[in-house]
Protein backbone atom coordinates (compact mmCIF):
# COMPACT_ATOMS: atom_id res chain seq x y z
CA MET A 1 47.63 121.03 110.35
CA THR A 2 49.69 120.52 113.40
CA SER A 3 49.68 117.27 115.22
CA THR A 4 50.51 116.99 118.93
CA THR A 5 50.89 113.60 120.60
CA HIS A 6 50.04 113.13 124.28
CA GLU A 7 51.38 110.03 126.04
CA SER A 8 49.31 108.03 128.43
CA ALA A 9 49.78 108.54 132.09
CA SER A 10 52.07 106.34 134.21
CA THR A 11 50.27 104.05 136.62
CA GLY A 12 53.22 102.57 138.42
CA THR A 13 53.72 99.54 136.28
CA ALA A 14 56.79 97.52 137.27
CA PRO A 15 58.64 95.01 135.13
CA LEU A 16 57.25 91.42 135.19
CA THR A 17 60.07 90.43 137.61
CA GLY A 18 59.37 93.32 139.99
CA THR A 19 56.44 94.10 142.26
CA VAL A 20 53.46 96.21 141.42
CA SER A 21 51.62 98.10 144.08
CA PRO A 22 48.07 97.04 144.93
CA GLU A 23 47.16 100.73 144.48
CA ALA A 24 48.40 100.76 140.81
CA THR A 25 46.50 97.53 140.14
CA ALA A 26 43.36 98.88 141.74
CA ALA A 27 43.56 102.04 139.69
CA ARG A 28 43.81 100.04 136.48
CA PHE A 29 40.90 97.85 137.32
CA GLN A 30 38.80 100.81 138.55
CA ALA A 31 39.21 102.37 135.13
CA LEU A 32 37.95 99.07 133.63
CA SER A 33 34.91 98.93 135.93
CA ASP A 34 32.50 100.70 133.62
CA PRO A 35 30.70 99.16 130.57
CA THR A 36 31.09 102.34 128.60
CA ARG A 37 34.84 102.36 128.99
CA ILE A 38 35.01 98.72 128.00
CA ARG A 39 33.02 99.59 124.83
CA ILE A 40 35.54 102.45 124.13
CA LEU A 41 38.44 100.03 124.41
CA ASP A 42 36.66 97.66 122.19
CA LEU A 43 36.13 100.23 119.50
CA LEU A 44 39.86 101.14 119.67
CA ARG A 45 41.01 97.58 119.09
CA ASP A 46 41.13 98.14 115.35
CA GLY A 47 43.22 101.28 115.55
CA GLU A 48 43.10 105.06 116.23
CA HIS A 49 39.70 106.85 116.17
CA CYS A 50 38.56 110.44 116.30
CA VAL A 51 36.45 111.40 119.28
CA CYS A 52 33.58 112.24 116.88
CA ASP A 53 33.57 108.67 115.54
CA LEU A 54 33.59 107.24 119.09
CA GLN A 55 30.67 109.48 120.05
CA ALA A 56 28.68 108.45 117.08
CA ALA A 57 29.40 104.75 117.63
CA LEU A 58 28.45 104.95 121.36
CA THR A 59 25.54 107.32 120.99
CA ILE A 60 26.43 109.24 124.20
CA ALA A 61 26.87 112.93 124.85
CA GLN A 62 30.29 114.49 124.24
CA PRO A 63 30.88 115.60 127.91
CA LEU A 64 30.21 112.07 129.08
CA LEU A 65 32.54 110.52 126.46
CA SER A 66 35.21 113.09 127.43
CA PHE A 67 34.85 111.92 131.10
CA HIS A 68 35.35 108.28 130.12
CA LEU A 69 38.24 109.06 127.90
CA LYS A 70 40.04 111.03 130.58
CA THR A 71 39.55 108.11 133.03
CA LEU A 72 41.12 105.72 130.48
CA ARG A 73 43.94 108.28 129.78
CA ASP A 74 44.70 108.67 133.47
CA ALA A 75 44.88 104.98 133.89
CA GLY A 76 47.17 104.67 130.88
CA PHE A 77 44.83 102.49 128.72
CA VAL A 78 44.67 105.04 125.92
CA SER A 79 46.98 107.65 124.40
CA TRP A 80 45.74 110.57 122.40
CA ARG A 81 46.98 113.19 119.87
CA LYS A 82 45.47 116.43 118.68
CA GLN A 83 45.44 117.24 114.95
CA GLY A 84 43.90 120.66 114.29
CA ARG A 85 40.64 120.78 116.25
CA TRP A 86 40.31 116.99 116.39
CA ALA A 87 41.42 114.58 119.08
CA TYR A 88 42.36 111.01 118.13
CA TYR A 89 42.59 108.14 120.61
CA ALA A 90 44.38 104.78 120.41
CA LEU A 91 44.89 101.87 122.80
CA ASP A 92 48.09 101.61 124.80
CA ALA A 93 49.09 98.02 124.54
CA GLY A 94 51.58 98.23 127.43
CA THR A 95 48.82 99.13 129.99
CA LEU A 96 46.58 96.31 128.63
CA LEU A 97 49.49 93.85 129.10
CA ALA A 98 50.11 95.22 132.57
CA ALA A 99 46.42 94.59 133.48
CA HIS A 100 46.73 91.13 132.11
CA ASP A 101 49.88 90.54 134.19
CA ASP A 102 48.03 91.97 137.30
CA VAL A 103 45.48 89.16 136.90
CA ALA A 104 48.20 86.49 136.22
CA ARG A 105 49.91 87.39 139.43
CA LEU A 106 46.66 86.41 141.30
CA ARG A 107 46.64 82.89 140.07
CA PRO A 108 47.03 80.23 142.85
CA THR A 109 50.57 79.33 143.65
CA ALA A 110 51.13 75.73 144.84
CA GLY A 111 52.64 75.37 148.28
CA ARG A 112 52.43 79.11 149.16
CA ARG A 113 51.66 79.72 152.85
CA LEU A 114 51.10 82.83 154.81
CA PRO A 115 53.67 83.32 157.64
CA ILE A 116 50.77 83.09 160.14
CA GLY A 117 50.43 79.99 162.21
CA CYS A 118 47.38 80.75 164.41
CA CYS A 119 45.21 77.76 163.32
CA GLY A 120 47.30 74.97 162.41
């Protein structure tokens, strides 16, 4: 059997010391905004799974599962490989870390002020 690996899509992630566009952050969180996609990510926490196993665990139709997997792939949360006629999916830890860092960047910063002085 032949095995083909397909890497996850790039979402504009910058190094921790750089800046990340609000559009890239929004795209990541849009991909996380569906309960089914969160369930998929949860199932993939323990390693790679075949699409048929994901479908059985989620009890959803294959076209709907494919839609959700494509959304997660496009956002970079999962990678996939094809082996024969089966597709296998796995988490992309780098994108999960990037989403974590997106939230961390939103924590309050002591003393930060906007450069606007209209009210005080």
